[in-house]
Amino acid sequence: MKRAVITGGAGFLGSHLCERLLAEGYEVLCVDNLLTGRTENIQHLLGRADFQFLQHDVSRPFEVDGPVDAVLHFASPASPIDYLELPIQTLKVGSLGTHNALGLAKAKRARFLLASTSEVYGDPKEHPQKETYWGNVNPIGPRGVYDEAKRFAEAMAMAYHRTHGLEVRIVRIFNTYGPRMRVRDGRVVPAFIPQALAGEPITVFGEGKQTRSFCFVSDLVEGIWRLLNSEATTPVNIGNPHEMTILEFAETIRAAVGSASPIVFKPLPVDDPQTRQPDITLARTLLGWEPKVSLKEGLESTIRYFREALAR
């Protein structure tokens, strides 16, 4: 039986990834300090013989007994609210945390997969964004703590690959949504859906003309699984290329919920990207991957989750 270590495994994406690797026959060690992750995301896995949970901040060194075949580094605050409130922790987990996770992979001769982000492209001047684009990031802006932490993490991963021959895979994750997002996460999906469900005003920043592309979590996890098992040594975009404006998305949410919530506009945050759309040519050609879940289907599942979460 293969064994994987997943940092940030109690988070939104990490918990779905824990489930997938268990389903694929792996033993899984989930490492999370619960800063933004939650035990309720992995509660149904606790007690399984093939699943372990270690509460630990991976910015501090840690050791794992026994063999490890794969290290998947997903630990990091991932929403603007989180990394604006936790700027130092975000930088530490992207630098020290990545270094510690890479060190574990090197010591165990394991394959290493880094969860990077479309934020490495910043406010892009290329559209859609290919993996060859170097980005347009403000390194000293408030969002820079997340953007630059991920850019540094990519650089360190590739340095370990070139220097130590470590097997490295890098996924650049675009906007993803689905069950287990936190209600007060701060990202657009967990902001709009609870507002619509409560009949409160739906808050759109700027004029709502900025665009995003939304990928359902099961599609993302499938792409990550294929990347982990591929021979791709350079970054690969995983996301849904269907682009829409934030105002269109707010209207879509309102209609899906059946809400009469008004849409209100507030000033655009500093360095908020105006466009975000992945070019997934590499994912299609190298991984045979593309998203399958429609926005309608994905939103139905996500809205149902938020209804239940808010009721609790």
C-alpha atoms as a PDB file:
ATOM      1  CA  MET A   1       0.000   0.000   0.000  1.00  0.00           C
ATOM      2  CA  LYS A   2       1.350   3.420  -0.959  1.00  0.00           C
ATOM      3  CA  ARG A   3       1.458   6.221   1.593  1.00  0.00           C
ATOM      4  CA  ALA A   4       0.908   9.946   1.123  1.00  0.00           C
ATOM      5  CA  VAL A   5       1.439  12.949   3.380  1.00  0.00           C
ATOM      6  CA  ILE A   6      -0.983  15.813   2.680  1.00  0.00           C
ATOM      7  CA  THR A   7      -0.215  19.130   4.359  1.00  0.00           C
ATOM      8  CA  GLY A   8      -3.278  21.313   4.810  1.00  0.00           C
ATOM      9  CA  GLY A   9      -5.294  18.113   4.586  1.00  0.00           C
ATOM     10  CA  ALA A  10      -8.111  19.393   6.823  1.00  0.00           C
ATOM     11  CA  GLY A  11      -8.799  22.338   4.535  1.00  0.00           C
ATOM     12  CA  PHE A  12     -11.355  22.669   1.751  1.00  0.00           C
ATOM     13  CA  LEU A  13      -9.206  21.213  -1.033  1.00  0.00           C
ATOM     14  CA  GLY A  14      -6.990  19.087   1.187  1.00  0.00           C
ATOM     15  CA  SER A  15      -9.878  17.142   2.706  1.00  0.00           C
ATOM     16  CA  HIS A  16     -11.271  16.234  -0.720  1.00  0.00           C
ATOM     17  CA  LEU A  17      -7.764  15.156  -1.725  1.00  0.00           C
ATOM     18  CA  CYS A  18      -7.467  12.954   1.378  1.00  0.00           C
ATOM     19  CA  GLU A  19     -10.670  11.198   0.323  1.00  0.00           C
ATOM     20  CA  ARG A  20      -9.431  10.694  -3.233  1.00  0.00           C
ATOM     21  CA  LEU A  21      -6.096   9.174  -2.252  1.00  0.00           C
ATOM     22  CA  LEU A  22      -7.784   6.867   0.250  1.00  0.00           C
ATOM     23  CA  ALA A  23     -10.144   5.756  -2.523  1.00  0.00           C
ATOM     24  CA  GLU A  24      -7.111   5.063  -4.707  1.00  0.00           C
ATOM     25  CA  GLY A  25      -5.669   2.711  -2.077  1.00  0.00           C
ATOM     26  CA  TYR A  26      -3.221   5.026  -0.320  1.00  0.00           C
ATOM     27  CA  GLU A  27      -2.601   5.330   3.380  1.00  0.00           C
ATOM     28  CA  VAL A  28      -2.906   9.037   4.184  1.00  0.00           C
ATOM     29  CA  LEU A  29      -1.247  11.167   6.852  1.00  0.00           C
ATOM     30  CA  CYS A  30      -3.077  14.490   7.062  1.00  0.00           C
ATOM     31  CA  VAL A  31      -1.003  17.305   8.596  1.00  0.00           C
ATOM     32  CA  ASP A  32      -2.789  20.544   9.498  1.00  0.00           C
ATOM     33  CA  ASN A  33      -2.456  23.192  12.209  1.00  0.00           C
ATOM     34  CA  LEU A  34      -6.205  24.006  11.898  1.00  0.00           C
ATOM     35  CA  LEU A  35      -5.503  27.700  11.373  1.00  0.00           C
ATOM     36  CA  THR A  36      -7.925  27.711   8.432  1.00  0.00           C
ATOM     37  CA  GLY A  37      -8.588  23.952   8.175  1.00  0.00           C
ATOM     38  CA  ARG A  38     -11.307  22.261  10.238  1.00  0.00           C
ATOM     39  CA  THR A  39     -11.541  18.842  11.861  1.00  0.00           C
ATOM     40  CA  GLU A  40     -15.157  18.551  10.710  1.00  0.00           C
ATOM     41  CA  ASN A  41     -13.836  18.265   7.125  1.00  0.00           C
ATOM     42  CA  ILE A  42     -12.058  15.018   8.029  1.00  0.00           C
ATOM     43  CA  GLN A  43     -14.287  13.818  10.890  1.00  0.00           C
ATOM     44  CA  HIS A  44     -15.656  10.981   8.759  1.00  0.00           C
ATOM     45  CA  LEU A  45     -12.102   9.749   8.102  1.00  0.00           C
ATOM     46  CA  LEU A  46     -10.887   9.671  11.695  1.00  0.00           C
ATOM     47  CA  GLY A  47     -10.735   6.164  13.092  1.00  0.00           C
ATOM     48  CA  ARG A  48      -9.914   4.546   9.754  1.00  0.00           C
ATOM     49  CA  ALA A  49      -6.848   2.306   9.883  1.00  0.00           C
ATOM     50  CA  ASP A  50      -5.499   3.879   6.680  1.00  0.00           C
ATOM     51  CA  PHE A  51      -5.885   7.490   7.847  1.00  0.00           C
ATOM     52  CA  GLN A  52      -3.917   9.481  10.422  1.00  0.00           C
ATOM     53  CA  PHE A  53      -4.205  13.100  11.503  1.00  0.00           C
ATOM     54  CA  LEU A  54      -1.299  15.121  12.868  1.00  0.00           C
ATOM     55  CA  GLN A  55      -2.016  18.615  14.182  1.00  0.00           C
ATOM     56  CA  HIS A  56       1.149  20.525  13.375  1.00  0.00           C
ATOM     57  CA  ASP A  57       2.299  23.782  11.776  1.00  0.00           C
ATOM     58  CA  VAL A  58       4.448  22.695   8.824  1.00  0.00           C
ATOM     59  CA  SER A  59       6.337  25.992   9.016  1.00  0.00           C
ATOM     60  CA  ARG A  60       8.138  24.215  11.857  1.00  0.00           C
ATOM     61  CA  PRO A  61      10.186  21.077  11.089  1.00  0.00           C
ATOM     62  CA  PHE A  62       8.468  17.730  11.443  1.00  0.00           C
ATOM     63  CA  GLU A  63       9.337  14.084  10.944  1.00  0.00           C
ATOM     64  CA  VAL A  64       7.278  11.175   9.698  1.00  0.00           C
ATOM     65  CA  ASP A  65       8.030   7.590  10.649  1.00  0.00           C
ATOM     66  CA  GLY A  66       8.017   4.909   7.979  1.00  0.00           C
ATOM     67  CA  PRO A  67       7.975   5.078   4.189  1.00  0.00           C
ATOM     68  CA  VAL A  68       6.292   7.863   2.209  1.00  0.00           C
ATOM     69  CA  ASP A  69       5.581   7.698  -1.527  1.00  0.00           C
ATOM     70  CA  ALA A  70       4.081  11.149  -2.092  1.00  0.00           C
ATOM     71  CA  VAL A  71       4.086  14.507  -0.319  1.00  0.00           C
ATOM     72  CA  LEU A  72       1.334  16.905  -1.381  1.00  0.00           C
ATOM     73  CA  HIS A  73       1.863  20.409  -0.003  1.00  0.00           C
ATOM     74  CA  PHE A  74      -1.513  22.161   0.289  1.00  0.00           C
ATOM     75  CA  ALA A  75      -1.007  24.034   3.570  1.00  0.00           C
ATOM     76  CA  SER A  76      -1.653  27.767   3.234  1.00  0.00           C
ATOM     77  CA  PRO A  77      -4.269  30.390   3.920  1.00  0.00           C
ATOM     78  CA  ALA A  78      -5.995  30.684   0.553  1.00  0.00           C
ATOM     79  CA  SER A  79      -8.595  33.454   0.678  1.00  0.00           C
ATOM     80  CA  PRO A  80      -7.954  37.220   0.665  1.00  0.00           C
ATOM     81  CA  ILE A  81      -9.486  37.578   4.145  1.00  0.00           C
ATOM     82  CA  ASP A  82      -7.152  34.899   5.496  1.00  0.00           C
ATOM     83  CA  TYR A  83      -3.894  36.074   4.010  1.00  0.00           C
ATOM     84  CA  LEU A  84      -4.627  39.742   4.714  1.00  0.00           C
ATOM     85  CA  GLU A  85      -5.230  38.846   8.391  1.00  0.00           C
ATOM     86  CA  LEU A  86      -2.361  36.314   8.476  1.00  0.00           C
ATOM     87  CA  PRO A  87       0.341  37.804   6.238  1.00  0.00           C
ATOM     88  CA  ILE A  88       3.367  36.472   8.164  1.00  0.00           C
ATOM     89  CA  GLN A  89       1.904  32.970   8.517  1.00  0.00           C
ATOM     90  CA  THR A  90       1.125  32.962   4.778  1.00  0.00           C
ATOM     91  CA  LEU A  91       4.698  33.872   3.895  1.00  0.00           C
ATOM     92  CA  LYS A  92       6.084  31.334   6.367  1.00  0.00           C
ATOM     93  CA  VAL A  93       4.043  28.387   5.091  1.00  0.00           C
ATOM     94  CA  GLY A  94       4.976  29.270   1.497  1.00  0.00           C
ATOM     95  CA  SER A  95       8.675  29.446   2.330  1.00  0.00           C
ATOM     96  CA  LEU A  96       9.551  27.516   5.499  1.00  0.00           C
ATOM     97  CA  GLY A  97       6.595  25.157   5.083  1.00  0.00           C
ATOM     98  CA  THR A  98       7.542  24.368   1.497  1.00  0.00           C
ATOM     99  CA  HIS A  99      11.166  23.846   2.550  1.00  0.00           C
ATOM    100  CA  ASN A 100      10.124  21.403   5.282  1.00  0.00           C
ATOM    101  CA  ALA A 101       7.749  19.510   2.977  1.00  0.00           C
ATOM    102  CA  LEU A 102      10.430  19.296   0.282  1.00  0.00           C
ATOM    103  CA  GLY A 103      12.919  18.071   2.889  1.00  0.00           C
ATOM    104  CA  LEU A 104      10.517  15.304   3.879  1.00  0.00           C
ATOM    105  CA  ALA A 105      10.035  14.280   0.253  1.00  0.00           C
ATOM    106  CA  LYS A 106      13.798  14.263  -0.326  1.00  0.00           C
ATOM    107  CA  ALA A 107      14.473  12.199   2.809  1.00  0.00           C
ATOM    108  CA  LYS A 108      11.779   9.659   1.868  1.00  0.00           C
ATOM    109  CA  ARG A 109      12.576   9.717  -1.878  1.00  0.00           C
ATOM    110  CA  ALA A 110       8.939  10.571  -2.437  1.00  0.00           C
ATOM    111  CA  ARG A 111       7.247  12.416  -5.262  1.00  0.00           C
ATOM    112  CA  PHE A 112       6.396  16.018  -4.302  1.00  0.00           C
ATOM    113  CA  LEU A 113       3.296  17.886  -5.522  1.00  0.00           C
ATOM    114  CA  LEU A 114       2.994  21.605  -4.832  1.00  0.00           C
ATOM    115  CA  ALA A 115      -0.357  23.367  -4.711  1.00  0.00           C
ATOM    116  CA  SER A 116       0.428  26.630  -6.462  1.00  0.00           C
ATOM    117  CA  THR A 117      -2.138  29.107  -7.712  1.00  0.00           C
ATOM    118  CA  SER A 118      -3.308  31.271 -10.577  1.00  0.00           C
ATOM    119  CA  GLU A 119      -2.345  34.174  -8.294  1.00  0.00           C
ATOM    120  CA  VAL A 120       1.244  33.741  -9.515  1.00  0.00           C
ATOM    121  CA  TYR A 121      -0.019  35.527 -12.652  1.00  0.00           C
ATOM    122  CA  GLY A 122      -1.109  38.534 -10.562  1.00  0.00           C
ATOM    123  CA  ASP A 123      -3.264  41.008 -12.500  1.00  0.00           C
ATOM    124  CA  PRO A 124      -2.429  39.413 -15.855  1.00  0.00           C
ATOM    125  CA  LYS A 125      -1.621  41.238 -19.071  1.00  0.00           C
ATOM    126  CA  GLU A 126      -1.918  37.934 -20.968  1.00  0.00           C
ATOM    127  CA  HIS A 127      -5.375  36.453 -21.514  1.00  0.00           C
ATOM    128  CA  PRO A 128      -6.067  33.592 -21.097  1.00  0.00           C
ATOM    129  CA  GLN A 129      -3.066  32.711 -18.941  1.00  0.00           C
ATOM    130  CA  LYS A 130      -0.618  30.075 -20.172  1.00  0.00           C
ATOM    131  CA  GLU A 131       1.941  28.396 -17.895  1.00  0.00           C
ATOM    132  CA  THR A 132       4.705  30.211 -19.817  1.00  0.00           C
ATOM    133  CA  TYR A 133       3.407  33.620 -18.667  1.00  0.00           C
ATOM    134  CA  TRP A 134       5.615  35.127 -15.942  1.00  0.00           C
ATOM    135  CA  GLY A 135       2.888  37.217 -14.373  1.00  0.00           C
ATOM    136  CA  ASN A 136       2.225  40.781 -13.254  1.00  0.00           C
ATOM    137  CA  VAL A 137       2.474  40.788  -9.450  1.00  0.00           C
ATOM    138  CA  ASN A 138       2.860  43.707  -7.051  1.00  0.00           C
ATOM    139  CA  PRO A 139       5.379  42.236  -4.557  1.00  0.00           C
ATOM    140  CA  ILE A 140       4.753  44.892  -1.890  1.00  0.00           C
ATOM    141  CA  GLY A 141       0.954  45.098  -2.165  1.00  0.00           C
ATOM    142  CA  PRO A 142      -1.326  43.485   0.424  1.00  0.00           C
ATOM    143  CA  ARG A 143      -1.995  40.471  -1.854  1.00  0.00           C
ATOM    144  CA  GLY A 144       1.733  40.056  -2.466  1.00  0.00           C
ATOM    145  CA  VAL A 145       2.159  37.931   0.676  1.00  0.00           C
ATOM    146  CA  TYR A 146       0.168  35.133  -0.989  1.00  0.00           C
ATOM    147  CA  ASP A 147       1.288  35.690  -4.584  1.00  0.00           C
ATOM    148  CA  GLU A 148       4.979  35.844  -3.761  1.00  0.00           C
ATOM    149  CA  ALA A 149       4.823  32.984  -1.245  1.00  0.00           C
ATOM    150  CA  LYS A 150       3.523  30.731  -4.018  1.00  0.00           C
ATOM    151  CA  ARG A 151       6.012  32.043  -6.575  1.00  0.00           C
ATOM    152  CA  PHE A 152       8.831  31.373  -4.100  1.00  0.00           C
ATOM    153  CA  ALA A 153       7.432  27.901  -3.400  1.00  0.00           C
ATOM    154  CA  GLU A 154       7.512  27.103  -7.117  1.00  0.00           C
ATOM    155  CA  ALA A 155      11.113  28.342  -7.364  1.00  0.00           C
ATOM    156  CA  MET A 156      12.177  26.231  -4.380  1.00  0.00           C
ATOM    157  CA  ALA A 157      10.428  23.133  -5.714  1.00  0.00           C
ATOM    158  CA  MET A 158      12.190  23.484  -9.057  1.00  0.00           C
ATOM    159  CA  ALA A 159      15.535  24.068  -7.274  1.00  0.00           C
ATOM    160  CA  TYR A 160      15.070  20.754  -5.420  1.00  0.00           C
ATOM    161  CA  HIS A 161      14.177  19.103  -8.725  1.00  0.00           C
ATOM    162  CA  ARG A 162      17.293  20.420 -10.491  1.00  0.00           C
ATOM    163  CA  THR A 163      19.711  20.057  -7.574  1.00  0.00           C
ATOM    164  CA  HIS A 164      18.545  16.839  -5.927  1.00  0.00           C
ATOM    165  CA  GLY A 165      16.667  15.140  -8.747  1.00  0.00           C
ATOM    166  CA  LEU A 166      13.465  15.250  -6.688  1.00  0.00           C
ATOM    167  CA  GLU A 167      10.327  14.298  -8.620  1.00  0.00           C
ATOM    168  CA  VAL A 168       8.275  17.496  -8.546  1.00  0.00           C
ATOM    169  CA  ARG A 169       4.792  18.279  -9.812  1.00  0.00           C
ATOM    170  CA  ILE A 170       3.298  21.807  -9.661  1.00  0.00           C
ATOM    171  CA  VAL A 171      -0.412  22.514 -10.047  1.00  0.00           C
ATOM    172  CA  ARG A 172      -1.555  26.085 -10.614  1.00  0.00           C
ATOM    173  CA  ILE A 173      -5.071  26.088  -9.205  1.00  0.00           C
ATOM    174  CA  PHE A 174      -7.683  28.498 -10.544  1.00  0.00           C
ATOM    175  CA  ASN A 175     -10.881  29.515  -8.721  1.00  0.00           C
ATOM    176  CA  THR A 176     -12.409  26.383  -7.230  1.00  0.00           C
ATOM    177  CA  TYR A 177     -15.673  25.949  -5.338  1.00  0.00           C
ATOM    178  CA  GLY A 178     -17.718  23.217  -3.709  1.00  0.00           C
ATOM    179  CA  PRO A 179     -18.769  21.686  -0.393  1.00  0.00           C
ATOM    180  CA  ARG A 180     -16.577  22.314   2.678  1.00  0.00           C
ATOM    181  CA  MET A 181     -15.753  25.917   1.866  1.00  0.00           C
ATOM    182  CA  ARG A 182     -16.012  27.984   5.032  1.00  0.00           C
ATOM    183  CA  VAL A 183     -19.095  30.186   5.254  1.00  0.00           C
ATOM    184  CA  ARG A 184     -16.977  33.248   6.095  1.00  0.00           C
ATOM    185  CA  ASP A 185     -14.134  32.325   3.794  1.00  0.00           C
ATOM    186  CA  GLY A 186     -14.176  35.694   2.047  1.00  0.00           C
ATOM    187  CA  ARG A 187     -13.984  34.324  -1.491  1.00  0.00           C
ATOM    188  CA  VAL A 188     -16.758  35.044  -3.940  1.00  0.00           C
ATOM    189  CA  VAL A 189     -18.699  31.745  -3.731  1.00  0.00           C
ATOM    190  CA  PRO A 190     -18.958  31.569   0.090  1.00  0.00           C
ATOM    191  CA  ALA A 191     -19.742  35.293   0.105  1.00  0.00           C
ATOM    192  CA  PHE A 192     -22.515  35.290  -2.501  1.00  0.00           C
ATOM    193  CA  ILE A 193     -24.363  32.066  -1.591  1.00  0.00           C
ATOM    194  CA  PRO A 194     -25.009  32.839   2.126  1.00  0.00           C
ATOM    195  CA  GLN A 195     -26.017  36.401   1.223  1.00  0.00           C
ATOM    196  CA  ALA A 196     -28.492  35.080  -1.357  1.00  0.00           C
ATOM    197  CA  LEU A 197     -29.825  32.403   1.013  1.00  0.00           C
ATOM    198  CA  ALA A 198     -30.418  35.006   3.729  1.00  0.00           C
ATOM    199  CA  GLY A 199     -31.997  37.495   1.338  1.00  0.00           C
ATOM    200  CA  GLU A 200     -29.236  39.971   2.164  1.00  0.00           C
ATOM    201  CA  PRO A 201     -27.623  42.295  -0.394  1.00  0.00           C
ATOM    202  CA  ILE A 202     -25.053  40.500  -2.563  1.00  0.00           C
ATOM    203  CA  THR A 203     -21.800  42.434  -2.397  1.00  0.00           C
ATOM    204  CA  VAL A 204     -20.010  42.973  -5.714  1.00  0.00           C
ATOM    205  CA  PHE A 205     -16.714  44.856  -5.734  1.00  0.00           C
ATOM    206  CA  GLY A 206     -16.060  47.513  -8.355  1.00  0.00           C
ATOM    207  CA  GLU A 207     -18.540  47.418 -11.232  1.00  0.00           C
ATOM    208  CA  GLY A 208     -18.456  43.623 -11.327  1.00  0.00           C
ATOM    209  CA  LYS A 209     -16.756  43.632 -14.730  1.00  0.00           C
ATOM    210  CA  GLN A 210     -13.744  41.666 -13.494  1.00  0.00           C
ATOM    211  CA  THR A 211     -13.831  38.061 -14.685  1.00  0.00           C
ATOM    212  CA  ARG A 212     -13.243  34.688 -13.034  1.00  0.00           C
ATOM    213  CA  SER A 213     -13.476  31.044 -14.122  1.00  0.00           C
ATOM    214  CA  PHE A 214     -15.001  28.618 -11.624  1.00  0.00           C
ATOM    215  CA  CYS A 215     -14.027  24.935 -11.361  1.00  0.00           C
ATOM    216  CA  PHE A 216     -15.940  22.418  -9.234  1.00  0.00           C
ATOM    217  CA  VAL A 217     -13.823  20.687  -6.596  1.00  0.00           C
ATOM    218  CA  SER A 218     -14.262  17.138  -7.940  1.00  0.00           C
ATOM    219  CA  ASP A 219     -12.934  18.232 -11.340  1.00  0.00           C
ATOM    220  CA  LEU A 220      -9.955  19.886  -9.685  1.00  0.00           C
ATOM    221  CA  VAL A 221      -9.134  16.799  -7.606  1.00  0.00           C
ATOM    222  CA  GLU A 222      -9.283  14.618 -10.729  1.00  0.00           C
ATOM    223  CA  GLY A 223      -6.783  16.949 -12.416  1.00  0.00           C
ATOM    224  CA  ILE A 224      -4.475  16.869  -9.399  1.00  0.00           C
ATOM    225  CA  TRP A 225      -4.634  13.060  -9.258  1.00  0.00           C
ATOM    226  CA  ARG A 226      -3.698  12.822 -12.941  1.00  0.00           C
ATOM    227  CA  LEU A 227      -0.876  15.336 -12.487  1.00  0.00           C
ATOM    228  CA  LEU A 228       0.522  13.415  -9.506  1.00  0.00           C
ATOM    229  CA  ASN A 229       0.750  10.304 -11.669  1.00  0.00           C
ATOM    230  CA  SER A 230       2.057  12.078 -14.765  1.00  0.00           C
ATOM    231  CA  GLU A 231       5.583  12.867 -15.950  1.00  0.00           C
ATOM    232  CA  ALA A 232       4.930  16.631 -16.133  1.00  0.00           C
ATOM    233  CA  THR A 233       7.801  18.440 -14.408  1.00  0.00           C
ATOM    234  CA  THR A 234       6.689  21.991 -15.239  1.00  0.00           C
ATOM    235  CA  PRO A 235       3.642  23.814 -13.803  1.00  0.00           C
ATOM    236  CA  VAL A 236       0.213  22.843 -15.141  1.00  0.00           C
ATOM    237  CA  ASN A 237      -2.937  24.984 -14.963  1.00  0.00           C
ATOM    238  CA  ILE A 238      -5.968  23.184 -13.565  1.00  0.00           C
ATOM    239  CA  GLY A 239      -9.181  25.171 -13.772  1.00  0.00           C
ATOM    240  CA  ASN A 240     -12.346  25.679 -15.764  1.00  0.00           C
ATOM    241  CA  PRO A 241     -11.824  27.961 -18.788  1.00  0.00           C
ATOM    242  CA  HIS A 242     -15.490  29.065 -18.815  1.00  0.00           C
ATOM    243  CA  GLU A 243     -15.103  32.774 -18.013  1.00  0.00           C
ATOM    244  CA  MET A 244     -17.774  35.092 -16.654  1.00  0.00           C
ATOM    245  CA  THR A 245     -17.932  38.494 -14.984  1.00  0.00           C
ATOM    246  CA  ILE A 246     -18.448  38.698 -11.245  1.00  0.00           C
ATOM    247  CA  LEU A 247     -21.725  40.542 -11.853  1.00  0.00           C
ATOM    248  CA  GLU A 248     -22.933  37.688 -14.098  1.00  0.00           C
ATOM    249  CA  PHE A 249     -21.884  35.226 -11.413  1.00  0.00           C
ATOM    250  CA  ALA A 250     -23.808  37.128  -8.731  1.00  0.00           C
ATOM    251  CA  GLU A 251     -26.901  37.060 -10.933  1.00  0.00           C
ATOM    252  CA  THR A 252     -26.404  33.323 -11.561  1.00  0.00           C
ATOM    253  CA  ILE A 253     -26.181  32.635  -7.811  1.00  0.00           C
ATOM    254  CA  ARG A 254     -29.268  34.719  -7.114  1.00  0.00           C
ATOM    255  CA  ALA A 255     -31.258  32.812  -9.731  1.00  0.00           C
ATOM    256  CA  ALA A 256     -29.985  29.405  -8.556  1.00  0.00           C
ATOM    257  CA  VAL A 257     -30.995  30.160  -4.962  1.00  0.00           C
ATOM    258  CA  GLY A 258     -34.299  31.735  -6.007  1.00  0.00           C
ATOM    259  CA  SER A 259     -33.421  34.846  -4.049  1.00  0.00           C
ATOM    260  CA  ALA A 260     -34.642  38.423  -4.332  1.00  0.00           C
ATOM    261  CA  SER A 261     -31.413  39.800  -2.862  1.00  0.00           C
ATOM    262  CA  PRO A 262     -30.390  43.160  -4.336  1.00  0.00           C
ATOM    263  CA  ILE A 263     -26.871  43.511  -5.710  1.00  0.00           C
ATOM    264  CA  VAL A 264     -24.813  46.274  -4.107  1.00  0.00           C
ATOM    265  CA  PHE A 265     -21.461  47.620  -5.246  1.00  0.00           C
ATOM    266  CA  LYS A 266     -18.439  48.429  -3.104  1.00  0.00           C
ATOM    267  CA  PRO A 267     -14.956  49.757  -3.950  1.00  0.00           C
ATOM    268  CA  LEU A 268     -12.590  47.314  -5.632  1.00  0.00           C
ATOM    269  CA  PRO A 269      -9.868  45.926  -3.305  1.00  0.00           C
ATOM    270  CA  VAL A 270      -6.229  46.831  -3.948  1.00  0.00           C
ATOM    271  CA  ASP A 271      -4.564  44.764  -6.706  1.00  0.00           C
ATOM    272  CA  ASP A 272      -7.734  42.759  -7.399  1.00  0.00           C
ATOM    273  CA  PRO A 273      -7.108  40.969 -10.740  1.00  0.00           C
ATOM    274  CA  GLN A 274      -9.294  42.176 -13.590  1.00  0.00           C
ATOM    275  CA  THR A 275      -9.230  38.898 -15.511  1.00  0.00           C
ATOM    276  CA  ARG A 276      -8.642  35.280 -14.618  1.00  0.00           C
ATOM    277  CA  GLN A 277      -9.014  32.474 -17.161  1.00  0.00           C
ATOM    278  CA  PRO A 278      -6.799  29.401 -17.518  1.00  0.00           C
ATOM    279  CA  ASP A 279      -5.379  28.138 -20.759  1.00  0.00           C
ATOM    280  CA  ILE A 280      -5.715  24.370 -20.139  1.00  0.00           C
ATOM    281  CA  THR A 281      -3.996  23.158 -23.323  1.00  0.00           C
ATOM    282  CA  LEU A 282      -1.249  21.488 -21.263  1.00  0.00           C
ATOM    283  CA  ALA A 283      -3.740  19.743 -18.978  1.00  0.00           C
ATOM    284  CA  ARG A 284      -5.624  18.456 -22.009  1.00  0.00           C
ATOM    285  CA  THR A 285      -2.527  17.214 -23.851  1.00  0.00           C
ATOM    286  CA  LEU A 286      -0.388  15.942 -20.942  1.00  0.00           C
ATOM    287  CA  LEU A 287      -3.111  14.690 -18.590  1.00  0.00           C
ATOM    288  CA  GLY A 288      -6.098  14.090 -20.848  1.00  0.00           C
ATOM    289  CA  TRP A 289      -8.007  16.285 -18.401  1.00  0.00           C
ATOM    290  CA  GLU A 290     -10.726  18.870 -18.738  1.00  0.00           C
ATOM    291  CA  PRO A 291     -13.581  19.847 -16.427  1.00  0.00           C
ATOM    292  CA  LYS A 292     -16.788  17.816 -16.619  1.00  0.00           C
ATOM    293  CA  VAL A 293     -19.115  19.334 -13.982  1.00  0.00           C
ATOM    294  CA  SER A 294     -21.382  22.104 -15.276  1.00  0.00           C
ATOM    295  CA  LEU A 295     -21.759  25.326 -13.291  1.00  0.00           C
ATOM    296  CA  LYS A 296     -25.445  24.512 -12.747  1.00  0.00           C
ATOM    297  CA  GLU A 297     -24.654  21.071 -11.307  1.00  0.00           C
ATOM    298  CA  GLY A 298     -21.770  22.327  -9.194  1.00  0.00           C
ATOM    299  CA  LEU A 299     -23.784  25.204  -7.765  1.00  0.00           C
ATOM    300  CA  GLU A 300     -26.684  22.914  -6.834  1.00  0.00           C
ATOM    301  CA  SER A 301     -24.342  20.775  -4.736  1.00  0.00           C
ATOM    302  CA  THR A 302     -22.602  23.798  -3.204  1.00  0.00           C
ATOM    303  CA  ILE A 303     -25.828  25.648  -2.374  1.00  0.00           C
ATOM    304  CA  ARG A 304     -27.184  22.499  -0.711  1.00  0.00           C
ATOM    305  CA  TYR A 305     -24.018  22.304   1.420  1.00  0.00           C
ATOM    306  CA  PHE A 306     -24.310  25.950   2.485  1.00  0.00           C
ATOM    307  CA  ARG A 307     -28.009  25.575   3.344  1.00  0.00           C
ATOM    308  CA  GLU A 308     -27.095  22.698   5.697  1.00  0.00           C
ATOM    309  CA  ALA A 309     -24.028  24.485   7.104  1.00  0.00           C
ATOM    310  CA  LEU A 310     -26.005  27.654   7.869  1.00  0.00           C
ATOM    311  CA  ALA A 311     -28.802  25.622   9.448  1.00  0.00           C
ATOM    312  CA  ARG A 312     -26.247  24.023  11.794  1.00  0.00           C
END
